[in-house]
Amino acid sequence: MSQTDVLFLVVFLILLSSLIVFVVQFVRSRRGGTDEDRGGWWEGPWGDDPKR
């Protein structure tokens, strides 16, 4: 693997991760609702604790 290949791979991974972050943020913003209404993906149906 030459230095050019490594550089291309690093740039490709940075662009891919940036695209994934952009798409995730766009999809989350299109779902609507407030931040209080929406829990994170880790908060399943068991997250019905009373809010303070």
PDB file of N, CA and C in Angstrom:
ATOM      1  N   MET A   1       0.843  -1.183   0.000  1.00  0.00           N
ATOM      2  CA  MET A   1       0.000   0.000   0.000  1.00  0.00           C
ATOM      3  C   MET A   1       0.886   1.244   0.000  1.00  0.00           C
ATOM      4  N   SER A   2       0.670   2.077  -0.989  1.00  0.00           N
ATOM      5  CA  SER A   2       1.493   3.275  -1.060  1.00  0.00           C
ATOM      6  C   SER A   2       0.867   4.399  -0.229  1.00  0.00           C
ATOM      7  N   GLN A   3       1.614   5.473  -0.104  1.00  0.00           N
ATOM      8  CA  GLN A   3       1.161   6.608   0.686  1.00  0.00           C
ATOM      9  C   GLN A   3      -0.089   7.240   0.063  1.00  0.00           C
ATOM     10  N   THR A   4      -0.181   7.219  -1.245  1.00  0.00           N
ATOM     11  CA  THR A   4      -1.352   7.765  -1.935  1.00  0.00           C
ATOM     12  C   THR A   4      -2.610   6.955  -1.625  1.00  0.00           C
ATOM     13  N   ASP A   5      -2.455   5.632  -1.571  1.00  0.00           N
ATOM     14  CA  ASP A   5      -3.593   4.772  -1.244  1.00  0.00           C
ATOM     15  C   ASP A   5      -4.090   5.022   0.171  1.00  0.00           C
ATOM     16  N   VAL A   6      -3.170   5.190   1.107  1.00  0.00           N
ATOM     17  CA  VAL A   6      -3.546   5.450   2.495  1.00  0.00           C
ATOM     18  C   VAL A   6      -4.251   6.798   2.601  1.00  0.00           C
ATOM     19  N   LEU A   7      -3.726   7.801   1.923  1.00  0.00           N
ATOM     20  CA  LEU A   7      -4.352   9.118   1.940  1.00  0.00           C
ATOM     21  C   LEU A   7      -5.764   9.061   1.352  1.00  0.00           C
ATOM     22  N   PHE A   8      -5.930   8.356   0.247  1.00  0.00           N
ATOM     23  CA  PHE A   8      -7.247   8.210  -0.366  1.00  0.00           C
ATOM     24  C   PHE A   8      -8.208   7.500   0.585  1.00  0.00           C
ATOM     25  N   LEU A   9      -7.742   6.467   1.253  1.00  0.00           N
ATOM     26  CA  LEU A   9      -8.581   5.726   2.190  1.00  0.00           C
ATOM     27  C   LEU A   9      -9.016   6.606   3.363  1.00  0.00           C
ATOM     28  N   VAL A  10      -8.101   7.382   3.903  1.00  0.00           N
ATOM     29  CA  VAL A  10      -8.424   8.273   5.026  1.00  0.00           C
ATOM     30  C   VAL A  10      -9.435   9.332   4.596  1.00  0.00           C
ATOM     31  N   VAL A  11      -9.221   9.956   3.449  1.00  0.00           N
ATOM     32  CA  VAL A  11     -10.153  10.973   2.953  1.00  0.00           C
ATOM     33  C   VAL A  11     -11.521  10.363   2.680  1.00  0.00           C
ATOM     34  N   PHE A  12     -11.543   9.165   2.112  1.00  0.00           N
ATOM     35  CA  PHE A  12     -12.804   8.477   1.841  1.00  0.00           C
ATOM     36  C   PHE A  12     -13.553   8.181   3.137  1.00  0.00           C
ATOM     37  N   LEU A  13     -12.869   7.717   4.161  1.00  0.00           N
ATOM     38  CA  LEU A  13     -13.520   7.418   5.436  1.00  0.00           C
ATOM     39  C   LEU A  13     -14.048   8.684   6.110  1.00  0.00           C
ATOM     40  N   ILE A  14     -13.307   9.773   6.025  1.00  0.00           N
ATOM     41  CA  ILE A  14     -13.767  11.042   6.602  1.00  0.00           C
ATOM     42  C   ILE A  14     -15.022  11.519   5.879  1.00  0.00           C
ATOM     43  N   LEU A  15     -15.024  11.468   4.557  1.00  0.00           N
ATOM     44  CA  LEU A  15     -16.200  11.896   3.795  1.00  0.00           C
ATOM     45  C   LEU A  15     -17.397  10.986   4.059  1.00  0.00           C
ATOM     46  N   LEU A  16     -17.173   9.698   4.159  1.00  0.00           N
ATOM     47  CA  LEU A  16     -18.255   8.761   4.434  1.00  0.00           C
ATOM     48  C   LEU A  16     -18.856   8.993   5.807  1.00  0.00           C
ATOM     49  N   SER A  17     -18.029   9.184   6.806  1.00  0.00           N
ATOM     50  CA  SER A  17     -18.557   9.425   8.157  1.00  0.00           C
ATOM     51  C   SER A  17     -19.290  10.767   8.224  1.00  0.00           C
ATOM     52  N   SER A  18     -18.800  11.776   7.515  1.00  0.00           N
ATOM     53  CA  SER A  18     -19.492  13.064   7.481  1.00  0.00           C
ATOM     54  C   SER A  18     -20.860  12.934   6.819  1.00  0.00           C
ATOM     55  N   LEU A  19     -20.934  12.168   5.752  1.00  0.00           N
ATOM     56  CA  LEU A  19     -22.205  11.948   5.077  1.00  0.00           C
ATOM     57  C   LEU A  19     -23.188  11.214   5.981  1.00  0.00           C
ATOM     58  N   ILE A  20     -22.711  10.215   6.694  1.00  0.00           N
ATOM     59  CA  ILE A  20     -23.585   9.467   7.599  1.00  0.00           C
ATOM     60  C   ILE A  20     -24.114  10.367   8.708  1.00  0.00           C
ATOM     61  N   VAL A  21     -23.250  11.199   9.284  1.00  0.00           N
ATOM     62  CA  VAL A  21     -23.689  12.125  10.335  1.00  0.00           C
ATOM     63  C   VAL A  21     -24.710  13.105   9.787  1.00  0.00           C
ATOM     64  N   PHE A  22     -24.504  13.626   8.593  1.00  0.00           N
ATOM     65  CA  PHE A  22     -25.444  14.566   7.985  1.00  0.00           C
ATOM     66  C   PHE A  22     -26.804  13.909   7.770  1.00  0.00           C
ATOM     67  N   VAL A  23     -26.818  12.689   7.243  1.00  0.00           N
ATOM     68  CA  VAL A  23     -28.079  11.990   6.982  1.00  0.00           C
ATOM     69  C   VAL A  23     -28.814  11.709   8.289  1.00  0.00           C
ATOM     70  N   VAL A  24     -28.098  11.277   9.317  1.00  0.00           N
ATOM     71  CA  VAL A  24     -28.736  10.991  10.606  1.00  0.00           C
ATOM     72  C   VAL A  24     -29.341  12.259  11.194  1.00  0.00           C
ATOM     73  N   GLN A  25     -28.628  13.365  11.148  1.00  0.00           N
ATOM     74  CA  GLN A  25     -29.164  14.619  11.673  1.00  0.00           C
ATOM     75  C   GLN A  25     -30.375  15.079  10.866  1.00  0.00           C
ATOM     76  N   PHE A  26     -30.344  14.901   9.560  1.00  0.00           N
ATOM     77  CA  PHE A  26     -31.463  15.302   8.714  1.00  0.00           C
ATOM     78  C   PHE A  26     -32.700  14.471   9.027  1.00  0.00           C
ATOM     79  N   VAL A  27     -32.527  13.166   9.172  1.00  0.00           N
ATOM     80  CA  VAL A  27     -33.661  12.292   9.466  1.00  0.00           C
ATOM     81  C   VAL A  27     -34.231  12.611  10.840  1.00  0.00           C
ATOM     82  N   ARG A  28     -33.378  12.871  11.817  1.00  0.00           N
ATOM     83  CA  ARG A  28     -33.873  13.196  13.159  1.00  0.00           C
ATOM     84  C   ARG A  28     -34.638  14.511  13.167  1.00  0.00           C
ATOM     85  N   SER A  29     -34.197  15.479  12.364  1.00  0.00           N
ATOM     86  CA  SER A  29     -34.886  16.768  12.348  1.00  0.00           C
ATOM     87  C   SER A  29     -36.224  16.667  11.622  1.00  0.00           C
ATOM     88  N   ARG A  30     -36.368  15.720  10.693  1.00  0.00           N
ATOM     89  CA  ARG A  30     -37.622  15.576   9.950  1.00  0.00           C
ATOM     90  C   ARG A  30     -38.686  14.835  10.743  1.00  0.00           C
ATOM     91  N   ARG A  31     -38.303  14.146  11.827  1.00  0.00           N
ATOM     92  CA  ARG A  31     -39.272  13.375  12.592  1.00  0.00           C
ATOM     93  C   ARG A  31     -40.224  14.264  13.366  1.00  0.00           C
ATOM     94  N   GLY A  32     -39.839  15.487  13.648  1.00  0.00           N
ATOM     95  CA  GLY A  32     -40.705  16.424  14.354  1.00  0.00           C
ATOM     96  C   GLY A  32     -40.756  16.139  15.838  1.00  0.00           C
ATOM     97  N   GLY A  33     -41.559  16.940  16.541  1.00  0.00           N
ATOM     98  CA  GLY A  33     -41.655  16.794  17.981  1.00  0.00           C
ATOM     99  C   GLY A  33     -40.544  17.567  18.664  1.00  0.00           C
ATOM    100  N   THR A  34     -40.694  17.688  19.968  1.00  0.00           N
ATOM    101  CA  THR A  34     -39.680  18.396  20.733  1.00  0.00           C
ATOM    102  C   THR A  34     -38.691  17.395  21.292  1.00  0.00           C
ATOM    103  N   ASP A  35     -37.616  17.924  21.847  1.00  0.00           N
ATOM    104  CA  ASP A  35     -36.615  17.042  22.440  1.00  0.00           C
ATOM    105  C   ASP A  35     -37.169  16.341  23.676  1.00  0.00           C
ATOM    106  N   GLU A  36     -38.123  16.971  24.358  1.00  0.00           N
ATOM    107  CA  GLU A  36     -38.726  16.344  25.533  1.00  0.00           C
ATOM    108  C   GLU A  36     -39.583  15.148  25.127  1.00  0.00           C
ATOM    109  N   ASP A  37     -40.238  15.242  23.970  1.00  0.00           N
ATOM    110  CA  ASP A  37     -41.106  14.152  23.516  1.00  0.00           C
ATOM    111  C   ASP A  37     -40.304  12.964  23.015  1.00  0.00           C
ATOM    112  N   ARG A  38     -39.146  13.247  22.462  1.00  0.00           N
ATOM    113  CA  ARG A  38     -38.365  12.182  21.837  1.00  0.00           C
ATOM    114  C   ARG A  38     -37.264  11.731  22.768  1.00  0.00           C
ATOM    115  N   GLY A  39     -37.223  10.446  23.038  1.00  0.00           N
ATOM    116  CA  GLY A  39     -36.095   9.891  23.760  1.00  0.00           C
ATOM    117  C   GLY A  39     -35.065   9.425  22.753  1.00  0.00           C
ATOM    118  N   GLY A  40     -33.925   9.043  23.244  1.00  0.00           N
ATOM    119  CA  GLY A  40     -32.911   8.504  22.358  1.00  0.00           C
ATOM    120  C   GLY A  40     -33.274   7.089  21.943  1.00  0.00           C
ATOM    121  N   TRP A  41     -32.538   6.562  20.985  1.00  0.00           N
ATOM    122  CA  TRP A  41     -32.830   5.214  20.510  1.00  0.00           C
ATOM    123  C   TRP A  41     -32.589   4.187  21.600  1.00  0.00           C
ATOM    124  N   TRP A  42     -31.775   4.547  22.624  1.00  0.00           N
ATOM    125  CA  TRP A  42     -31.484   3.606  23.699  1.00  0.00           C
ATOM    126  C   TRP A  42     -32.615   3.572  24.732  1.00  0.00           C
ATOM    127  N   GLU A  43     -33.522   4.543  24.672  1.00  0.00           N
ATOM    128  CA  GLU A  43     -34.626   4.576  25.619  1.00  0.00           C
ATOM    129  C   GLU A  43     -35.806   3.839  25.020  1.00  0.00           C
ATOM    130  N   GLY A  44     -35.946   2.610  25.376  1.00  0.00           N
ATOM    131  CA  GLY A  44     -37.028   1.802  24.854  1.00  0.00           C
ATOM    132  C   GLY A  44     -38.321   2.058  25.604  1.00  0.00           C
ATOM    133  N   PRO A  45     -39.276   1.158  25.506  1.00  0.00           N
ATOM    134  CA  PRO A  45     -40.546   1.335  26.204  1.00  0.00           C
ATOM    135  C   PRO A  45     -40.391   1.294  27.710  1.00  0.00           C
ATOM    136  N   TRP A  46     -39.219   0.864  28.178  1.00  0.00           N
ATOM    137  CA  TRP A  46     -38.987   0.815  29.623  1.00  0.00           C
ATOM    138  C   TRP A  46     -38.592   2.186  30.154  1.00  0.00           C
ATOM    139  N   GLY A  47     -38.452   3.199  29.315  1.00  0.00           N
ATOM    140  CA  GLY A  47     -38.035   4.522  29.750  1.00  0.00           C
ATOM    141  C   GLY A  47     -39.192   5.402  30.155  1.00  0.00           C
ATOM    142  N   ASP A  48     -40.180   4.862  30.840  1.00  0.00           N
ATOM    143  CA  ASP A  48     -41.364   5.636  31.226  1.00  0.00           C
ATOM    144  C   ASP A  48     -41.232   6.209  32.628  1.00  0.00           C
ATOM    145  N   ASP A  49     -40.026   6.512  33.039  1.00  0.00           N
ATOM    146  CA  ASP A  49     -39.807   7.092  34.356  1.00  0.00           C
ATOM    147  C   ASP A  49     -40.385   8.494  34.384  1.00  0.00           C
ATOM    148  N   PRO A  50     -40.919   8.924  35.526  1.00  0.00           N
ATOM    149  CA  PRO A  50     -41.456  10.292  35.592  1.00  0.00           C
ATOM    150  C   PRO A  50     -40.347  11.325  35.423  1.00  0.00           C
ATOM    151  N   LYS A  51     -40.644  12.383  34.703  1.00  0.00           N
ATOM    152  CA  LYS A  51     -39.660  13.429  34.463  1.00  0.00           C
ATOM    153  C   LYS A  51     -39.689  14.423  35.621  1.00  0.00           C
ATOM    154  N   ARG A  52     -38.528  14.952  35.927  1.00  0.00           N
ATOM    155  CA  ARG A  52     -38.439  15.902  37.035  1.00  0.00           C
ATOM    156  C   ARG A  52     -38.760  17.290  36.586  1.00  0.00           C
TER     157      ARG A  52
END
